């Protein structure tokens, strides 16, 4: 999971100038199976992506290739997620 946050001091105009390219490239990543889900943050400061990446390096490469990142307008926070492990306890034989 990747949390994108607009950097302090970046204006809405700066972001909006890049958004058409950002959206097109994000849709292409979705169609290629790399972006599984994406959401707007309710605070208006960015987005949250759920990626299909093998590791952190691949996740960084995916996100760093997008226009907002290439223009250094956003920050990323990466959080590795996976299946909820306690559910395995339900599958154990009593």
N, C-alpha and C. Protein backbone atom coordinates (compact mmCIF):
# COMPACT_ATOMS: atom_id res chain seq x y z
N UNK A 1 0.86 -1.16 0.00
CA UNK A 1 0.00 0.00 0.00
C UNK A 1 0.91 1.23 0.00
N UNK A 2 0.51 2.22 -0.73
CA UNK A 2 1.29 3.45 -0.81
C UNK A 2 0.38 4.63 -0.51
N UNK A 3 0.79 5.44 0.44
CA UNK A 3 0.06 6.66 0.78
C UNK A 3 0.81 7.83 0.16
N UNK A 4 0.14 8.55 -0.72
CA UNK A 4 0.73 9.72 -1.38
C UNK A 4 0.25 10.97 -0.68
N UNK A 5 1.18 11.87 -0.40
CA UNK A 5 0.85 13.14 0.23
C UNK A 5 1.51 14.26 -0.56
N UNK A 6 0.74 15.28 -0.87
CA UNK A 6 1.29 16.45 -1.55
C UNK A 6 2.27 17.13 -0.60
N UNK A 7 3.44 17.48 -1.11
CA UNK A 7 4.45 18.13 -0.29
C UNK A 7 4.00 19.52 0.15
N UNK A 8 4.46 19.91 1.31
CA UNK A 8 4.17 21.25 1.84
C UNK A 8 4.66 22.30 0.84
N UNK A 9 3.86 23.32 0.65
CA UNK A 9 4.25 24.42 -0.24
C UNK A 9 3.88 24.22 -1.69
N UNK A 10 3.41 23.02 -2.05
CA UNK A 10 3.00 22.76 -3.43
C UNK A 10 1.56 23.25 -3.59
N UNK A 11 1.31 24.00 -4.65
CA UNK A 11 -0.02 24.56 -4.86
C UNK A 11 -0.92 23.60 -5.64
N UNK A 12 -2.20 23.84 -5.52
CA UNK A 12 -3.18 23.06 -6.28
C UNK A 12 -2.93 23.21 -7.78
N UNK A 13 -2.54 24.39 -8.20
CA UNK A 13 -2.27 24.64 -9.62
C UNK A 13 -1.11 23.77 -10.13
N UNK A 14 -0.08 23.63 -9.30
CA UNK A 14 1.05 22.78 -9.68
C UNK A 14 0.60 21.33 -9.86
N UNK A 15 -0.22 20.86 -8.94
CA UNK A 15 -0.71 19.49 -9.02
C UNK A 15 -1.60 19.30 -10.24
N UNK A 16 -2.54 20.22 -10.43
CA UNK A 16 -3.50 20.09 -11.52
C UNK A 16 -2.84 20.16 -12.90
N UNK A 17 -1.72 20.84 -13.00
CA UNK A 17 -1.00 20.91 -14.28
C UNK A 17 -0.46 19.54 -14.69
N UNK A 18 -0.22 18.67 -13.72
CA UNK A 18 0.37 17.36 -13.97
C UNK A 18 -0.70 16.25 -14.02
N UNK A 19 -1.88 16.52 -13.45
CA UNK A 19 -2.89 15.48 -13.28
C UNK A 19 -3.32 14.75 -14.56
N UNK A 20 -3.50 15.40 -15.70
CA UNK A 20 -3.90 14.61 -16.88
C UNK A 20 -2.91 13.49 -17.20
N UNK A 21 -1.62 13.77 -17.16
CA UNK A 21 -0.62 12.72 -17.40
C UNK A 21 -0.61 11.70 -16.27
N UNK A 22 -0.74 12.17 -15.03
CA UNK A 22 -0.76 11.26 -13.87
C UNK A 22 -1.93 10.27 -13.99
N UNK A 23 -3.09 10.77 -14.35
CA UNK A 23 -4.27 9.91 -14.46
C UNK A 23 -4.09 8.89 -15.58
N UNK A 24 -3.64 9.34 -16.74
CA UNK A 24 -3.45 8.41 -17.87
C UNK A 24 -2.47 7.30 -17.50
N UNK A 25 -1.36 7.67 -16.87
CA UNK A 25 -0.36 6.66 -16.54
C UNK A 25 -0.85 5.74 -15.42
N UNK A 26 -1.63 6.26 -14.48
CA UNK A 26 -2.19 5.43 -13.42
C UNK A 26 -3.19 4.44 -13.99
N UNK A 27 -4.03 4.88 -14.92
CA UNK A 27 -4.98 3.97 -15.56
C UNK A 27 -4.23 2.88 -16.31
N UNK A 28 -3.15 3.24 -16.98
CA UNK A 28 -2.36 2.22 -17.70
C UNK A 28 -1.78 1.21 -16.72
N UNK A 29 -1.30 1.66 -15.56
CA UNK A 29 -0.80 0.73 -14.54
C UNK A 29 -1.92 -0.18 -14.05
N UNK A 30 -3.12 0.36 -13.90
CA UNK A 30 -4.27 -0.45 -13.50
C UNK A 30 -4.56 -1.51 -14.57
N UNK A 31 -4.59 -1.10 -15.83
CA UNK A 31 -4.86 -2.04 -16.91
C UNK A 31 -3.77 -3.11 -17.03
N UNK A 32 -2.55 -2.76 -16.62
CA UNK A 32 -1.43 -3.71 -16.64
C UNK A 32 -1.38 -4.58 -15.38
N UNK A 33 -2.31 -4.35 -14.44
CA UNK A 33 -2.37 -5.17 -13.24
C UNK A 33 -1.44 -4.75 -12.12
N UNK A 34 -0.80 -3.62 -12.23
CA UNK A 34 0.13 -3.16 -11.18
C UNK A 34 -0.58 -2.36 -10.09
N UNK A 35 -1.58 -1.57 -10.46
CA UNK A 35 -2.41 -0.86 -9.48
C UNK A 35 -3.70 -1.66 -9.34
N UNK A 36 -3.94 -2.20 -8.15
CA UNK A 36 -5.15 -3.00 -7.93
C UNK A 36 -6.33 -2.11 -7.53
N UNK A 37 -6.04 -1.12 -6.69
CA UNK A 37 -7.08 -0.20 -6.22
C UNK A 37 -6.42 1.14 -5.97
N UNK A 38 -7.21 2.21 -6.10
CA UNK A 38 -6.72 3.51 -5.69
C UNK A 38 -7.86 4.38 -5.23
N UNK A 39 -7.53 5.22 -4.25
CA UNK A 39 -8.53 6.02 -3.57
C UNK A 39 -8.00 7.44 -3.37
N UNK A 40 -8.92 8.41 -3.34
CA UNK A 40 -8.57 9.76 -2.93
C UNK A 40 -8.58 9.82 -1.41
N UNK A 41 -7.67 10.57 -0.85
CA UNK A 41 -7.70 10.79 0.59
C UNK A 41 -8.81 11.79 0.91
N UNK A 42 -9.55 11.56 1.97
CA UNK A 42 -10.67 12.44 2.31
C UNK A 42 -10.21 13.82 2.76
N UNK A 43 -8.92 13.95 3.12
CA UNK A 43 -8.40 15.26 3.51
C UNK A 43 -7.94 16.09 2.31
N UNK A 44 -8.04 15.51 1.11
CA UNK A 44 -7.67 16.23 -0.10
C UNK A 44 -6.18 16.40 -0.32
N UNK A 45 -5.36 15.71 0.46
CA UNK A 45 -3.90 15.89 0.39
C UNK A 45 -3.18 14.81 -0.41
N UNK A 46 -3.93 13.95 -1.11
CA UNK A 46 -3.24 12.91 -1.87
C UNK A 46 -4.13 11.73 -2.17
N UNK A 47 -3.51 10.56 -2.21
CA UNK A 47 -4.22 9.34 -2.59
C UNK A 47 -3.61 8.14 -1.87
N UNK A 48 -4.32 7.03 -1.96
CA UNK A 48 -3.83 5.76 -1.43
C UNK A 48 -3.94 4.73 -2.55
N UNK A 49 -2.84 4.03 -2.80
CA UNK A 49 -2.79 3.00 -3.83
C UNK A 49 -2.56 1.65 -3.20
N UNK A 50 -3.23 0.64 -3.72
CA UNK A 50 -2.90 -0.75 -3.39
C UNK A 50 -2.26 -1.33 -4.65
N UNK A 51 -0.99 -1.69 -4.53
CA UNK A 51 -0.22 -2.17 -5.68
C UNK A 51 -0.09 -3.68 -5.67
N UNK A 52 0.12 -4.23 -6.84
CA UNK A 52 0.50 -5.64 -6.97
C UNK A 52 1.99 -5.63 -7.31
N UNK A 53 2.81 -5.68 -6.26
CA UNK A 53 4.27 -5.61 -6.43
C UNK A 53 4.91 -6.77 -5.66
N UNK A 54 5.98 -7.30 -6.20
CA UNK A 54 6.66 -8.43 -5.56
C UNK A 54 7.42 -8.01 -4.30
N UNK A 55 7.88 -6.75 -4.27
CA UNK A 55 8.68 -6.29 -3.14
C UNK A 55 8.67 -4.76 -3.12
N UNK A 56 9.34 -4.21 -2.09
CA UNK A 56 9.39 -2.76 -1.94
C UNK A 56 10.05 -2.08 -3.13
N UNK A 57 11.09 -2.69 -3.66
CA UNK A 57 11.81 -2.08 -4.79
C UNK A 57 10.89 -1.92 -6.00
N UNK A 58 10.08 -2.95 -6.27
CA UNK A 58 9.15 -2.85 -7.39
C UNK A 58 8.08 -1.79 -7.12
N UNK A 59 7.58 -1.72 -5.89
CA UNK A 59 6.59 -0.70 -5.54
C UNK A 59 7.17 0.70 -5.74
N UNK A 60 8.41 0.91 -5.29
CA UNK A 60 9.06 2.21 -5.47
C UNK A 60 9.21 2.53 -6.96
N UNK A 61 9.61 1.55 -7.74
CA UNK A 61 9.80 1.79 -9.18
C UNK A 61 8.49 2.18 -9.85
N UNK A 62 7.40 1.52 -9.45
CA UNK A 62 6.09 1.83 -10.03
C UNK A 62 5.72 3.28 -9.71
N UNK A 63 5.80 3.64 -8.44
CA UNK A 63 5.36 4.97 -8.02
C UNK A 63 6.31 6.07 -8.46
N UNK A 64 7.60 5.80 -8.46
CA UNK A 64 8.58 6.81 -8.87
C UNK A 64 8.50 7.14 -10.35
N UNK A 65 7.87 6.26 -11.13
CA UNK A 65 7.73 6.51 -12.57
C UNK A 65 6.57 7.41 -12.92
N UNK A 66 5.71 7.72 -11.96
CA UNK A 66 4.55 8.57 -12.25
C UNK A 66 4.93 10.05 -12.26
N UNK A 67 4.23 10.86 -13.04
CA UNK A 67 4.58 12.28 -13.21
C UNK A 67 4.68 13.10 -11.92
N UNK A 68 3.75 12.92 -10.98
CA UNK A 68 3.83 13.72 -9.75
C UNK A 68 5.11 13.43 -8.98
N UNK A 69 5.53 12.18 -8.96
CA UNK A 69 6.78 11.82 -8.28
C UNK A 69 7.99 12.33 -9.06
N UNK A 70 7.95 12.20 -10.39
CA UNK A 70 9.09 12.66 -11.20
C UNK A 70 9.30 14.17 -11.06
N UNK A 71 8.22 14.91 -10.82
CA UNK A 71 8.35 16.35 -10.64
C UNK A 71 8.53 16.73 -9.16
N UNK A 72 8.68 15.73 -8.30
CA UNK A 72 8.98 15.93 -6.87
C UNK A 72 7.89 16.75 -6.17
N UNK A 73 6.62 16.45 -6.50
CA UNK A 73 5.50 17.19 -5.91
C UNK A 73 4.86 16.45 -4.74
N UNK A 74 5.18 15.17 -4.59
CA UNK A 74 4.53 14.35 -3.56
C UNK A 74 5.55 13.54 -2.78
N UNK A 75 5.10 13.08 -1.62
CA UNK A 75 5.87 12.15 -0.81
C UNK A 75 5.11 10.83 -0.77
N UNK A 76 5.85 9.73 -0.61
CA UNK A 76 5.24 8.40 -0.54
C UNK A 76 5.55 7.77 0.81
N UNK A 77 4.56 7.07 1.34
CA UNK A 77 4.77 6.21 2.51
C UNK A 77 4.36 4.81 2.08
N UNK A 78 5.30 3.87 2.17
CA UNK A 78 5.06 2.50 1.73
C UNK A 78 4.78 1.61 2.94
N UNK A 79 3.72 0.80 2.83
CA UNK A 79 3.36 -0.13 3.90
C UNK A 79 3.09 -1.49 3.24
N UNK A 80 3.93 -2.47 3.55
CA UNK A 80 3.72 -3.82 3.01
C UNK A 80 2.51 -4.44 3.71
N UNK A 81 1.60 -5.01 2.93
CA UNK A 81 0.42 -5.66 3.49
C UNK A 81 0.28 -7.05 2.87
N UNK A 82 -0.45 -7.89 3.57
CA UNK A 82 -0.69 -9.25 3.09
C UNK A 82 -1.92 -9.80 3.77
N UNK A 83 -2.13 -11.10 3.63
CA UNK A 83 -3.30 -11.72 4.25
C UNK A 83 -3.29 -11.53 5.76
N UNK A 84 -4.47 -11.46 6.34
CA UNK A 84 -4.62 -11.34 7.78
C UNK A 84 -4.22 -12.67 8.41
N UNK A 85 -3.07 -12.69 9.04
CA UNK A 85 -2.46 -13.94 9.52
C UNK A 85 -3.31 -14.68 10.56
N UNK A 86 -4.01 -14.03 11.49
CA UNK A 86 -4.80 -14.79 12.46
C UNK A 86 -5.89 -15.66 11.82
N UNK A 87 -6.27 -15.37 10.60
CA UNK A 87 -7.28 -16.20 9.94
C UNK A 87 -6.78 -17.64 9.75
N UNK A 88 -5.46 -17.82 9.71
CA UNK A 88 -4.91 -19.17 9.58
C UNK A 88 -5.31 -20.05 10.76
N UNK A 89 -5.53 -19.41 11.92
CA UNK A 89 -5.94 -20.17 13.10
C UNK A 89 -7.30 -20.84 12.88
N UNK A 90 -8.15 -20.23 12.09
CA UNK A 90 -9.44 -20.84 11.79
C UNK A 90 -9.32 -22.10 10.95
N UNK A 91 -8.22 -22.20 10.22
CA UNK A 91 -8.02 -23.34 9.33
C UNK A 91 -7.34 -24.51 10.04
N UNK A 92 -6.80 -24.30 11.23
CA UNK A 92 -6.11 -25.36 11.96
C UNK A 92 -7.13 -26.38 12.47
N UNK A 93 -6.75 -27.63 12.44
CA UNK A 93 -7.63 -28.69 12.95
C UNK A 93 -7.63 -28.63 14.48
N UNK A 94 -8.81 -28.79 15.09
CA UNK A 94 -8.88 -28.74 16.56
C UNK A 94 -8.19 -29.93 17.21
